[in-house]
N, C-alpha and C. Protein backbone atom coordinates (compact mmCIF):
# COMPACT_ATOMS: atom_id res chain seq x y z
N MET A 1 11.10 22.19 -4.56
CA MET A 1 10.94 20.09 -4.86
C MET A 1 12.33 19.62 -4.50
N VAL A 2 13.72 20.01 -4.09
CA VAL A 2 14.29 18.94 -3.30
C VAL A 2 13.43 18.74 -2.32
N VAL A 3 13.95 19.28 -1.14
CA VAL A 3 13.29 19.17 0.27
C VAL A 3 11.92 18.00 -0.28
N PHE A 4 11.16 17.85 -0.80
CA PHE A 4 10.16 16.99 -1.00
C PHE A 4 10.69 16.46 -1.79
N ASN A 5 11.90 15.99 -3.00
CA ASN A 5 12.25 14.56 -3.26
C ASN A 5 12.90 13.87 -2.10
N ILE A 6 13.64 14.97 -0.82
CA ILE A 6 14.53 14.42 0.54
C ILE A 6 13.17 13.62 1.32
N LEU A 7 12.72 14.03 1.40
CA LEU A 7 10.89 13.87 2.28
C LEU A 7 10.24 12.45 1.57
N SER A 8 10.06 12.70 0.31
CA SER A 8 9.65 11.35 -0.16
C SER A 8 10.24 9.88 -0.33
N LYS A 9 11.67 10.58 0.05
CA LYS A 9 12.30 9.12 0.36
C LYS A 9 13.08 9.22 1.52
N PHE A 10 12.35 9.85 2.36
CA PHE A 10 12.84 9.46 3.77
C PHE A 10 11.39 9.21 4.78
N ILE A 11 9.97 9.62 3.63
CA ILE A 11 8.90 8.32 4.34
C ILE A 11 9.06 6.63 3.60
N GLY A 12 9.71 6.81 2.67
CA GLY A 12 9.68 5.41 1.29
C GLY A 12 10.33 4.27 2.68
N TRP A 13 11.89 5.66 3.12
CA TRP A 13 12.64 4.42 4.17
C TRP A 13 12.05 4.24 5.33
N ILE A 14 10.79 4.74 5.69
CA ILE A 14 10.01 4.60 7.29
C ILE A 14 9.27 2.95 7.02
N ASN A 15 8.85 3.86 5.48
CA ASN A 15 8.06 2.86 5.80
C ASN A 15 8.64 1.19 6.02
N GLN A 16 9.08 1.01 4.40
CA GLN A 16 10.16 0.05 4.25
C GLN A 16 10.44 -0.33 5.20
N SER A 17 11.39 0.44 6.73
CA SER A 17 12.24 -0.39 7.12
C SER A 17 10.96 -1.27 8.60
N ILE A 18 10.08 -0.17 8.72
CA ILE A 18 9.20 -0.28 9.47
C ILE A 18 7.89 -1.98 8.94
N ALA A 19 8.49 -1.92 8.31
CA ALA A 19 7.90 -3.20 7.47
C ALA A 19 8.29 -4.05 7.20
N VAL A 20 9.37 -4.13 7.33
CA VAL A 20 10.55 -4.79 7.26
C VAL A 20 10.44 -5.36 8.74
N ILE A 21 11.13 -4.73 9.55
CA ILE A 21 11.23 -4.90 11.01
C ILE A 21 10.26 -5.48 11.63
N GLY A 22 9.41 -4.78 11.27
CA GLY A 22 7.78 -5.82 11.68
C GLY A 22 7.42 -6.64 11.30
N ILE A 23 7.91 -7.08 10.07
CA ILE A 23 7.12 -9.41 9.75
C ILE A 23 8.39 -9.86 10.13
N THR A 24 10.10 -9.36 10.59
CA THR A 24 10.55 -10.12 11.01
C THR A 24 11.03 -10.63 12.10
N ALA A 25 10.50 -9.23 13.15
CA ALA A 25 10.71 -9.43 14.37
C ALA A 25 9.07 -10.26 15.21
N GLY A 26 8.06 -9.83 14.07
CA GLY A 26 7.14 -10.80 15.08
C GLY A 26 7.32 -12.48 13.99
N VAL A 27 8.08 -12.39 13.13
CA VAL A 27 7.57 -14.18 12.88
C VAL A 27 8.70 -14.38 13.57
N ALA A 28 10.01 -14.11 14.09
CA ALA A 28 10.83 -14.57 15.52
C ALA A 28 10.27 -14.40 16.59
N VAL A 29 9.58 -13.59 17.66
CA VAL A 29 8.76 -14.07 18.45
C VAL A 29 8.19 -15.22 18.23
N SER A 30 7.04 -14.88 17.21
CA SER A 30 6.10 -16.14 16.62
C SER A 30 7.27 -17.82 17.24
N PHE A 31 8.27 -17.88 16.37
CA PHE A 31 8.84 -18.85 16.56
C PHE A 31 9.89 -19.57 17.80
N VAL A 32 10.04 -18.06 18.55
CA VAL A 32 10.79 -18.44 19.64
C VAL A 32 9.95 -18.77 20.96
N ASN A 33 8.11 -17.78 20.38
CA ASN A 33 7.77 -18.79 21.33
C ASN A 33 6.80 -19.94 21.30
N VAL A 34 7.10 -21.08 19.99
CA VAL A 34 6.54 -22.10 20.14
C VAL A 34 7.04 -23.42 19.47
N VAL A 35 9.09 -22.26 19.88
CA VAL A 35 9.98 -23.26 20.78
C VAL A 35 9.91 -23.58 22.05
N ALA A 36 9.79 -22.59 23.00
CA ALA A 36 9.53 -22.72 24.43
C ALA A 36 8.51 -23.46 24.69
N ARG A 37 7.00 -22.87 24.26
CA ARG A 37 6.12 -23.79 24.41
C ARG A 37 6.52 -25.59 24.17
N TYR A 38 6.53 -25.69 23.18
CA TYR A 38 6.37 -27.30 22.81
C TYR A 38 7.86 -27.90 23.40
N ALA A 39 9.59 -27.10 23.08
CA ALA A 39 10.25 -27.35 23.86
C ALA A 39 10.08 -27.73 25.01
N PHE A 40 10.03 -26.45 25.68
CA PHE A 40 10.90 -26.18 27.68
C PHE A 40 9.48 -26.05 27.94
N ASP A 41 7.78 -26.47 27.51
CA ASP A 41 6.71 -26.05 28.43
C ASP A 41 6.84 -24.51 29.09
N ALA A 42 6.77 -23.93 28.27
CA ALA A 42 7.25 -23.47 29.24
C ALA A 42 6.99 -21.52 27.92
N SER A 43 5.60 -21.20 27.85
CA SER A 43 5.10 -20.36 27.05
C SER A 43 5.50 -18.29 27.19
N LEU A 44 5.54 -17.78 26.74
CA LEU A 44 5.81 -16.62 27.08
C LEU A 44 4.93 -15.84 26.87
N VAL A 45 4.35 -14.92 27.78
CA VAL A 45 2.58 -14.31 28.02
C VAL A 45 2.75 -13.28 26.99
N TRP A 46 3.90 -12.84 27.07
CA TRP A 46 4.10 -11.02 25.84
C TRP A 46 4.40 -11.59 24.56
N ALA A 47 4.70 -12.97 23.92
CA ALA A 47 4.82 -13.15 23.07
C ALA A 47 4.16 -13.25 22.18
N SER A 48 2.77 -13.79 22.30
CA SER A 48 1.51 -13.30 21.18
C SER A 48 1.22 -11.87 20.93
N GLU A 49 1.24 -11.31 22.36
CA GLU A 49 0.51 -9.42 22.10
C GLU A 49 1.58 -9.09 21.58
N LEU A 50 2.54 -8.90 21.85
CA LEU A 50 3.93 -8.65 21.05
C LEU A 50 3.93 -9.02 19.50
N SER A 51 3.75 -10.37 18.95
CA SER A 51 3.69 -10.38 17.57
C SER A 51 2.99 -10.15 17.36
N ILE A 52 1.10 -9.85 17.82
CA ILE A 52 0.21 -9.05 17.06
C ILE A 52 0.59 -7.57 16.69
N PHE A 53 1.09 -6.99 17.37
CA PHE A 53 1.07 -5.60 17.35
C PHE A 53 2.50 -5.60 16.11
N LEU A 54 3.70 -6.29 16.50
CA LEU A 54 4.28 -6.19 15.02
C LEU A 54 4.16 -6.18 13.86
N PHE A 55 3.34 -7.50 13.74
CA PHE A 55 2.85 -7.70 12.31
C PHE A 55 1.84 -6.32 12.00
N LEU A 56 1.01 -5.86 13.07
CA LEU A 56 0.31 -4.89 13.00
C LEU A 56 0.88 -3.61 12.35
N TRP A 57 2.25 -3.55 13.02
CA TRP A 57 3.11 -2.20 12.32
C TRP A 57 3.28 -2.26 11.06
N SER A 58 3.63 -3.30 10.67
CA SER A 58 4.40 -3.86 9.28
C SER A 58 3.54 -3.96 8.47
N VAL A 59 1.62 -4.58 8.67
CA VAL A 59 0.82 -4.17 7.87
C VAL A 59 0.79 -2.85 7.23
N PHE A 60 0.08 -2.27 8.28
CA PHE A 60 -0.21 -0.67 8.38
C PHE A 60 1.03 -0.07 7.68
N PHE A 61 2.13 -0.08 7.86
CA PHE A 61 3.45 0.85 6.80
C PHE A 61 3.54 0.15 5.44
N ALA A 62 3.96 -0.86 5.24
CA ALA A 62 3.58 -1.88 3.98
C ALA A 62 2.09 -1.56 2.79
N ALA A 63 1.68 -1.19 3.39
CA ALA A 63 -0.03 -0.96 2.89
C ALA A 63 0.40 0.92 2.82
N ALA A 64 1.02 1.33 3.30
CA ALA A 64 1.01 3.25 2.77
C ALA A 64 2.57 2.63 1.74
N TYR A 65 3.59 2.11 1.97
CA TYR A 65 3.99 2.45 0.57
C TYR A 65 3.97 1.94 -0.20
N CYS A 66 2.39 0.56 -0.75
CA CYS A 66 2.65 0.15 -1.82
C CYS A 66 1.51 1.57 -2.63
N PHE A 67 1.60 2.47 -1.91
CA PHE A 67 0.42 3.86 -2.29
C PHE A 67 1.37 4.88 -3.14
N LYS A 68 3.18 4.73 -3.35
CA LYS A 68 4.29 4.95 -3.48
C LYS A 68 4.15 4.07 -5.38
N LYS A 69 4.25 3.32 -4.98
CA LYS A 69 4.51 2.01 -6.11
C LYS A 69 3.17 1.41 -7.62
N ASP A 70 1.98 2.07 -6.16
CA ASP A 70 0.63 1.69 -6.89
C ASP A 70 -0.22 0.45 -7.19
N ALA A 71 0.12 -0.37 -6.28
CA ALA A 71 0.94 -1.44 -6.45
C ALA A 71 -0.41 -2.18 -5.62
N HIS A 72 -1.93 -1.18 -4.94
CA HIS A 72 -2.81 -1.80 -4.33
C HIS A 72 -3.51 -2.27 -5.44
N ILE A 73 -4.62 -3.15 -5.55
CA ILE A 73 -5.53 -3.39 -6.66
C ILE A 73 -6.05 -2.85 -6.72
N ALA A 74 -6.97 -2.67 -8.08
CA ALA A 74 -7.59 -1.82 -8.46
C ALA A 74 -8.80 -1.74 -10.08
N VAL A 75 -9.32 -2.49 -9.89
CA VAL A 75 -10.52 -2.80 -10.74
C VAL A 75 -10.64 -1.88 -11.61
N THR A 76 -9.96 -2.00 -12.94
CA THR A 76 -9.77 -0.62 -14.08
C THR A 76 -11.03 -0.88 -15.10
N ILE A 77 -11.86 -1.53 -14.95
CA ILE A 77 -12.77 -2.37 -16.42
C ILE A 77 -13.60 -1.31 -16.89
N ILE A 78 -13.46 0.17 -15.57
CA ILE A 78 -13.99 1.21 -16.20
C ILE A 78 -13.65 2.17 -17.17
N LEU A 79 -12.01 2.31 -16.19
CA LEU A 79 -11.20 3.12 -17.11
C LEU A 79 -11.24 2.91 -18.26
N ASP A 80 -10.55 1.34 -18.38
CA ASP A 80 -10.29 1.03 -20.13
C ASP A 80 -11.28 1.21 -21.21
N ILE A 81 -12.36 1.00 -20.92
CA ILE A 81 -13.62 1.32 -21.65
C ILE A 81 -13.80 2.92 -22.10
N MET A 82 -13.33 3.88 -21.42
CA MET A 82 -13.42 5.49 -21.15
C MET A 82 -12.60 5.91 -22.33
N PRO A 83 -13.13 7.03 -22.58
CA PRO A 83 -12.09 7.90 -23.52
C PRO A 83 -10.50 8.18 -22.53
N THR A 84 -9.83 9.01 -23.30
CA THR A 84 -8.35 9.11 -21.90
C THR A 84 -9.06 10.31 -20.84
N LYS A 85 -9.72 11.05 -21.91
CA LYS A 85 -9.56 12.85 -21.59
C LYS A 85 -10.61 12.12 -19.52
N VAL A 86 -11.80 11.10 -19.90
CA VAL A 86 -12.70 10.74 -19.11
C VAL A 86 -12.21 10.43 -17.83
N ALA A 87 -10.92 9.10 -18.43
CA ALA A 87 -10.72 8.26 -17.61
C ALA A 87 -9.70 8.87 -16.66
N LYS A 88 -9.14 10.26 -17.29
CA LYS A 88 -8.41 10.99 -16.51
C LYS A 88 -8.94 11.85 -15.26
N ILE A 89 -9.94 12.10 -15.56
CA ILE A 89 -10.56 12.99 -14.61
C ILE A 89 -12.00 11.76 -13.59
N MET A 90 -11.58 10.61 -13.81
CA MET A 90 -12.01 9.51 -13.36
C MET A 90 -10.61 9.83 -12.12
N LEU A 91 -9.52 8.95 -12.75
CA LEU A 91 -8.27 8.96 -11.36
C LEU A 91 -8.01 10.52 -10.70
N LEU A 92 -8.28 11.23 -11.37
CA LEU A 92 -8.71 12.76 -10.02
C LEU A 92 -9.66 11.98 -9.23
N ILE A 93 -10.77 12.41 -9.61
CA ILE A 93 -11.77 11.86 -8.69
C ILE A 93 -11.53 10.88 -7.67
N SER A 94 -11.53 9.54 -7.84
CA SER A 94 -11.06 8.68 -7.28
C SER A 94 -9.68 8.53 -5.92
N HIS A 95 -8.72 9.34 -6.60
CA HIS A 95 -7.55 9.65 -5.82
C HIS A 95 -8.10 10.70 -4.71
N ILE A 96 -8.83 11.50 -5.35
CA ILE A 96 -8.90 12.77 -4.19
C ILE A 96 -9.85 12.06 -2.92
N VAL A 97 -10.38 11.16 -3.59
CA VAL A 97 -11.79 10.47 -2.53
C VAL A 97 -10.93 9.91 -1.60
N THR A 98 -9.82 9.38 -2.27
CA THR A 98 -9.21 8.12 -1.30
C THR A 98 -8.07 9.40 -0.35
N LEU A 99 -7.53 10.34 -0.53
CA LEU A 99 -6.53 11.33 -0.47
C LEU A 99 -7.93 11.70 1.27
N VAL A 100 -8.54 12.00 0.20
CA VAL A 100 -9.65 12.99 2.00
C VAL A 100 -9.99 11.41 2.71
N PHE A 101 -10.46 10.56 2.38
CA PHE A 101 -10.02 9.76 3.63
C PHE A 101 -9.85 9.20 4.28
N LEU A 102 -8.01 8.95 3.81
CA LEU A 102 -6.48 8.41 4.44
C LEU A 102 -6.71 10.03 5.27
N ALA A 103 -6.78 10.84 5.05
CA ALA A 103 -6.62 12.41 5.59
C ALA A 103 -7.36 12.19 7.38
N THR A 104 -8.63 11.75 6.39
CA THR A 104 -9.63 11.60 7.63
C THR A 104 -9.38 10.54 8.44
N VAL A 105 -8.52 9.27 8.34
CA VAL A 105 -8.28 8.47 9.20
C VAL A 105 -7.48 8.95 10.39
N SER A 106 -6.51 9.60 9.57
CA SER A 106 -5.46 10.16 10.20
C SER A 106 -5.24 11.05 11.17
N TYR A 107 -6.71 12.05 11.02
CA TYR A 107 -7.08 13.02 11.88
C TYR A 107 -7.78 12.17 12.83
N PHE A 108 -8.78 11.54 12.99
CA PHE A 108 -9.32 10.75 14.25
C PHE A 108 -8.32 9.76 14.71
N GLY A 109 -7.18 9.12 14.10
CA GLY A 109 -6.58 7.98 14.52
C GLY A 109 -6.05 9.25 15.83
N TYR A 110 -5.04 10.24 15.24
CA TYR A 110 -4.70 11.24 15.72
C TYR A 110 -5.02 11.32 17.53
N GLU A 111 -6.63 11.75 16.87
CA GLU A 111 -7.42 12.22 18.16
C GLU A 111 -7.78 11.02 19.54
N TYR A 112 -8.32 10.15 18.69
CA TYR A 112 -8.34 8.59 19.63
C TYR A 112 -6.96 8.50 20.45
N LEU A 113 -5.96 8.69 19.78
CA LEU A 113 -4.44 8.31 20.13
C LEU A 113 -4.22 9.61 21.91
N LEU A 114 -4.67 10.78 21.85
CA LEU A 114 -5.29 11.41 22.61
C LEU A 114 -6.32 10.68 23.94
N LEU A 115 -6.92 10.36 23.29
CA LEU A 115 -8.05 9.90 24.54
C LEU A 115 -7.30 8.68 24.77
N VAL A 116 -7.09 8.26 24.54
CA VAL A 116 -6.52 6.46 25.27
C VAL A 116 -5.04 7.01 26.29
N ASN A 117 -3.80 8.46 25.69
CA ASN A 117 -2.92 9.08 26.41
C ASN A 117 -4.10 9.25 27.77
N ASP A 118 -5.21 9.76 27.27
CA ASP A 118 -5.71 10.82 28.39
C ASP A 118 -5.98 9.76 29.53
N LEU A 119 -7.01 8.60 29.07
CA LEU A 119 -7.46 7.19 30.04
C LEU A 119 -5.74 6.78 30.65
N ASP A 120 -4.55 7.14 30.14
CA ASP A 120 -3.78 6.18 30.93
C ASP A 120 -3.58 4.79 30.17
N GLU A 121 -4.26 4.50 28.74
CA GLU A 121 -4.48 2.57 28.88
C GLU A 121 -2.85 1.94 28.58
N ARG A 122 -3.71 0.50 29.27
CA ARG A 122 -2.31 0.00 29.07
C ARG A 122 -1.75 -1.32 29.03
N SER A 123 -0.64 -1.51 28.58
CA SER A 123 -1.21 -3.72 28.05
C SER A 123 -1.07 -4.26 29.16
N ILE A 124 -1.60 -4.58 29.52
CA ILE A 124 -1.37 -5.61 30.44
C ILE A 124 -0.05 -6.82 30.45
N ASP A 125 0.19 -7.39 29.89
CA ASP A 125 1.10 -8.45 28.74
C ASP A 125 2.41 -7.93 28.19
N LEU A 126 2.56 -6.74 28.57
CA LEU A 126 3.79 -6.13 27.81
C LEU A 126 4.33 -5.02 28.60
N TRP A 127 4.52 -5.29 30.13
CA TRP A 127 5.21 -4.85 31.10
C TRP A 127 4.46 -3.34 31.26
N GLY A 128 2.78 -3.09 30.75
CA GLY A 128 2.74 -1.99 31.59
C GLY A 128 2.71 -1.18 30.51
N MET A 129 3.61 -1.29 28.83
CA MET A 129 3.81 -0.67 27.81
C MET A 129 2.59 0.23 27.70
N PRO A 130 2.34 1.93 27.52
CA PRO A 130 0.93 2.68 26.99
C PRO A 130 0.71 1.75 25.65
N MET A 131 -0.56 2.53 25.75
CA MET A 131 -0.97 1.87 24.87
C MET A 131 -1.12 2.32 23.15
N TRP A 132 -1.31 4.17 23.86
CA TRP A 132 -0.94 4.96 22.74
C TRP A 132 0.51 4.70 21.43
N ILE A 133 1.31 4.39 22.24
CA ILE A 133 2.54 3.31 21.00
C ILE A 133 2.21 2.67 20.51
N VAL A 134 1.28 2.15 20.25
CA VAL A 134 1.09 0.85 19.47
C VAL A 134 -0.43 1.40 18.63
N TYR A 135 -1.28 2.44 19.68
CA TYR A 135 -1.90 3.23 18.36
C TYR A 135 -1.54 4.05 17.39
N LEU A 136 0.25 4.41 18.04
CA LEU A 136 0.73 5.55 17.02
C LEU A 136 0.62 5.13 15.47
N VAL A 137 0.45 3.61 15.20
CA VAL A 137 0.25 2.99 13.54
C VAL A 137 -0.66 4.09 13.16
N ILE A 138 -1.62 4.00 13.54
CA ILE A 138 -2.84 4.87 12.60
C ILE A 138 -2.95 5.90 12.37
N PRO A 139 -2.12 6.96 12.83
CA PRO A 139 -2.16 8.37 12.88
C PRO A 139 -0.80 8.91 11.27
N VAL A 140 -0.15 7.47 11.90
CA VAL A 140 1.19 8.15 11.18
C VAL A 140 1.34 7.38 9.68
N SER A 141 0.90 6.54 9.74
CA SER A 141 0.85 5.14 8.84
C SER A 141 -0.17 5.43 7.78
N PHE A 142 -1.15 6.08 8.20
CA PHE A 142 -2.49 7.06 7.10
C PHE A 142 -1.79 8.06 7.13
N ALA A 143 -1.06 8.71 7.68
CA ALA A 143 -0.79 10.52 6.88
C ALA A 143 0.61 10.37 5.83
N PHE A 144 1.20 9.49 6.07
CA PHE A 144 2.42 8.78 4.85
C PHE A 144 1.52 8.51 4.22
N ALA A 145 0.19 7.95 4.10
CA ALA A 145 -0.19 7.38 3.13
C ALA A 145 -0.47 8.27 2.35
N SER A 146 -1.34 9.89 2.49
CA SER A 146 -2.20 10.10 2.46
C SER A 146 -0.92 11.26 1.04
N TYR A 147 0.26 11.68 1.84
CA TYR A 147 1.49 12.08 1.59
C TYR A 147 1.62 11.16 0.22
N ARG A 148 1.67 9.79 -0.20
CA ARG A 148 1.93 9.31 -1.50
C ARG A 148 1.03 9.21 -2.47
N VAL A 149 -0.38 9.84 -1.67
CA VAL A 149 -2.13 9.88 -3.01
C VAL A 149 -1.57 10.67 -3.56
N ALA A 150 -1.44 11.47 -2.15
CA ALA A 150 -0.96 13.23 -2.58
C ALA A 150 0.09 13.38 -4.37
N GLU A 151 1.00 12.80 -3.58
CA GLU A 151 1.69 12.75 -4.63
C GLU A 151 1.75 12.36 -6.00
N ARG A 152 0.82 10.96 -6.47
CA ARG A 152 -0.09 10.66 -6.98
C ARG A 152 -0.88 11.46 -8.31
N ILE A 153 -1.49 12.08 -7.34
CA ILE A 153 -2.71 13.15 -7.84
C ILE A 153 -1.92 13.99 -8.54
N ILE A 154 -0.34 14.40 -8.33
CA ILE A 154 0.59 16.12 -8.53
C ILE A 154 0.44 14.79 -10.03
N ILE A 155 0.76 13.85 -9.82
CA ILE A 155 1.62 12.65 -11.03
C ILE A 155 0.81 12.86 -11.97
N ILE A 156 -0.75 12.70 -11.98
CA ILE A 156 -1.70 12.48 -12.71
C ILE A 156 -1.98 13.26 -13.47
N ALA A 157 -2.46 14.65 -13.15
CA ALA A 157 -3.03 15.98 -13.52
C ALA A 157 -1.93 16.68 -13.90
N ARG A 158 -0.04 16.31 -14.10
CA ARG A 158 0.52 16.53 -14.88
C ARG A 158 0.37 15.90 -16.02
N THR A 159 0.53 14.27 -16.21
CA THR A 159 0.70 13.27 -17.40
C THR A 159 -0.91 14.16 -18.10
N SER A 160 -0.06 13.44 -19.30
CA SER A 160 -1.49 13.84 -20.67
C SER A 160 -2.55 13.05 -20.77
N HIS A 161 -3.38 12.75 -21.21
CA HIS A 161 -4.16 12.29 -20.92
C HIS A 161 -4.40 10.95 -21.85
N GLU A 162 -3.41 11.20 -22.95
CA GLU A 162 -2.94 9.95 -23.89
C GLU A 162 -2.36 9.00 -23.11
N ASP A 163 -1.71 9.18 -21.77
CA ASP A 163 -0.87 8.28 -21.44
C ASP A 163 -1.15 8.29 -20.35
N ILE A 164 -2.33 8.35 -19.30
CA ILE A 164 -2.44 8.45 -18.44
C ILE A 164 -3.07 6.86 -18.07
N LEU A 165 -3.76 6.10 -18.45
CA LEU A 165 -3.82 4.68 -18.56
C LEU A 165 -2.57 4.26 -18.62
N GLN A 166 -1.66 3.06 -17.37
CA GLN A 166 -0.61 2.45 -17.22
C GLN A 166 -1.02 1.45 -17.60
N GLU A 167 0.34 0.71 -18.40
CA GLU A 167 -0.81 -0.52 -19.41
C GLU A 167 -0.56 -2.17 -17.87
N SER A 168 -1.48 -2.88 -18.26
CA SER A 168 -1.30 -3.84 -17.01
C SER A 168 -0.24 -4.44 -17.26
N GLU A 169 -0.53 -5.66 -15.44
CA GLU A 169 0.93 -6.34 -15.33
C GLU A 169 0.79 -7.33 -16.61
N ALA A 170 0.09 -7.60 -16.91
CA ALA A 170 0.45 -8.47 -18.36
C ALA A 170 0.96 -8.36 -19.61
N GLU A 171 0.31 -6.64 -20.15
CA GLU A 171 0.40 -5.47 -20.86
C GLU A 171 2.58 -5.81 -20.46
N GLN A 172 2.94 -5.55 -19.38
CA GLN A 172 4.16 -5.35 -19.13
C GLN A 172 5.15 -6.58 -19.18
N VAL A 173 4.79 -7.54 -18.86
CA VAL A 173 5.47 -9.00 -19.09
C VAL A 173 5.23 -9.35 -20.30
N LEU A 174 4.79 -8.87 -21.20
CA LEU A 174 4.34 -9.02 -22.64
C LEU A 174 5.57 -8.14 -23.18
N ALA A 175 5.10 -6.91 -22.89
CA ALA A 175 6.58 -6.16 -23.50
C ALA A 175 7.63 -6.10 -22.44
N GLY A 176 7.94 -6.68 -21.94
CA GLY A 176 9.69 -7.52 -21.02
C GLY A 176 10.11 -8.70 -22.23
N MET A 177 9.45 -9.35 -22.88
CA MET A 177 9.43 -10.51 -23.76
C MET A 177 9.30 -9.76 -25.01
N GLY A 178 10.00 -8.44 -25.64
CA GLY A 178 9.81 -7.46 -26.23
C GLY A 178 8.72 -7.82 -27.34
N MET A 179 7.24 -8.05 -26.86
CA MET A 179 6.54 -7.97 -27.59
C MET A 179 5.23 -7.06 -26.91
N GLY A 180 5.96 -5.99 -26.96
CA GLY A 180 4.80 -4.73 -26.62
C GLY A 180 4.15 -3.96 -27.48
N ALA A 181 2.85 -3.73 -27.30
CA ALA A 181 2.17 -3.38 -28.43
C ALA A 181 2.29 -2.09 -29.44
N LYS A 182 3.76 -1.19 -28.49
CA LYS A 182 3.29 0.11 -29.00
C LYS A 182 5.04 -0.03 -29.97
N GLU A 183 5.77 -1.39 -29.24
CA GLU A 183 7.36 -1.99 -30.26
C GLU A 183 6.94 -2.41 -31.78
N ASN A 184 5.83 -3.62 -31.39
CA ASN A 184 5.38 -3.94 -32.69
C ASN A 184 4.14 -4.23 -32.77
N ALA A 185 3.80 -3.19 -33.11
CA ALA A 185 2.66 -2.52 -33.53
C ALA A 185 1.72 -3.34 -35.25
N ASP A 186 3.16 -3.18 -36.08
CA ASP A 186 2.28 -3.82 -37.73
C ASP A 186 2.88 -5.36 -37.12
N ASN A 187 3.09 -5.98 -36.26
CA ASN A 187 3.10 -7.56 -36.52
C ASN A 187 1.78 -8.16 -35.67
N GLU A 188 1.54 -9.13 -36.63
CA GLU A 188 -0.06 -9.51 -36.59
C GLU A 188 0.04 -10.04 -35.31
N ASN A 189 0.93 -10.99 -35.04
CA ASN A 189 1.00 -12.05 -33.51
C ASN A 189 0.30 -11.03 -32.62
N VAL A 190 2.06 -10.53 -32.49
CA VAL A 190 1.48 -9.58 -31.40
C VAL A 190 0.00 -8.98 -31.17
N LYS A 191 -0.49 -8.47 -32.84
CA LYS A 191 -1.12 -7.32 -32.24
C LYS A 191 -2.68 -8.02 -31.67
N GLU A 192 -2.59 -10.02 -32.27
CA GLU A 192 -3.36 -11.02 -31.92
C GLU A 192 -3.66 -10.71 -30.71
N LEU A 193 -2.03 -11.49 -30.14
CA LEU A 193 -2.27 -11.55 -28.82
C LEU A 193 -2.28 -10.46 -27.51
N ASN A 194 -2.07 -9.08 -27.79
CA ASN A 194 -2.27 -8.17 -27.06
C ASN A 194 -3.79 -8.24 -27.25
N ASN A 195 -4.65 -7.93 -28.31
CA ASN A 195 -6.25 -7.88 -28.13
C ASN A 195 -7.12 -8.79 -27.34
N MET A 196 -5.91 -10.19 -27.37
CA MET A 196 -6.49 -11.16 -26.72
C MET A 196 -6.07 -10.83 -25.07
N VAL A 197 -5.30 -10.00 -24.58
CA VAL A 197 -4.75 -10.37 -23.18
C VAL A 197 -5.67 -8.76 -22.61
N LYS A 198 -6.75 -7.74 -23.59
CA LYS A 198 -6.95 -6.86 -23.48
C LYS A 198 -8.67 -7.49 -23.20
N GLU A 199 -8.92 -8.51 -23.98
CA GLU A 199 -10.64 -8.99 -23.92
C GLU A 199 -10.36 -10.24 -22.54
N VAL A 200 -9.22 -10.94 -21.95
CA VAL A 200 -9.33 -11.40 -20.69
C VAL A 200 -9.57 -10.18 -19.96
N GLU A 201 -8.35 -9.41 -19.71
CA GLU A 201 -8.98 -8.10 -18.37
C GLU A 201 -9.99 -7.67 -18.70
N LYS A 202 -10.56 -7.61 -19.61
CA LYS A 202 -11.95 -6.64 -19.84
C LYS A 202 -12.93 -7.80 -18.60
N LYS A 203 -12.91 -9.52 -18.99
CA LYS A 203 -13.52 -10.23 -18.71
C LYS A 203 -13.05 -10.05 -17.14
N THR A 204 -11.83 -10.37 -16.54
CA THR A 204 -11.73 -10.47 -15.56
C THR A 204 -11.43 -8.60 -14.38
N GLY A 205 -12.33 -8.14 -14.78
CA GLY A 205 -12.22 -6.82 -14.62
C GLY A 205 -10.81 -6.14 -14.43
N GLY A 206 -10.18 -6.58 -14.84
CA GLY A 206 -9.00 -6.08 -14.95
C GLY A 206 -7.41 -6.57 -13.54
N MET A 207 -8.03 -7.79 -13.28
CA MET A 207 -7.38 -8.68 -12.33
C MET A 207 -6.72 -10.08 -13.22
N LEU A 208 -5.63 -9.40 -14.52
CA LEU A 208 -5.55 -10.53 -15.15
C LEU A 208 -4.05 -10.35 -14.31
C-alpha cells in the first residue's frame, strides 16, 4: 500500500511539473518570438514548433492529472435519476471503458513511437531533434491517466452505493456557505434552495 501511495504521489508530481513547465515555457518562447519579430525583425525559426510541442505536453499531462481530481467534465443527469446501486454499477462500467480506452491509446502510442524511431523521423526546425521524443507524450501521459482511472475504479468499488454520487460543484459552494443539505436538513429555506439547485442541474445536464 505504501508503494502505491509513493507511486501515486510521484505520478502526480510528474503530471503537475510537466503541465506547469510546459505552459510556462511555451508562453515564454512565444513571447520572445513575438518581441524578436516585431522589435528586431528577426523571427526565431524554431520558436513556433517548440511552443506547440511545449503546449502539447502541458495539455496532455494536465489532462492526466485531472483524472486524479475527477475534474473532467461529466454529464451526470442519468446518474442523478438512477437508484444509487444502479448508479454505482454505471460508474464502474464507464470507468472500466475509460481505462480500456486510455490503456489502448497508450499501447498503440508506444507502437507508433517505435515506428517513428525506426524511420528516424526528425524535426527540421528543432535542430534535427528525433520526433520520438515529442511523441513520447502519448504513451506516457495516457499510461498515467490509466493509472488514475484504475485508482478511481478501486475507490468507487470500495465506496458504499449510498455515498457514491458526489456533490455537484454548486452543492459544494452551498455547503461552504453553511447551507449544505445534510447539515440543514430541517431548514425549509435551505431545502428549497437545494431542490432548486438540483432542478437546474437536471435541466443543464449536470453542468451548472
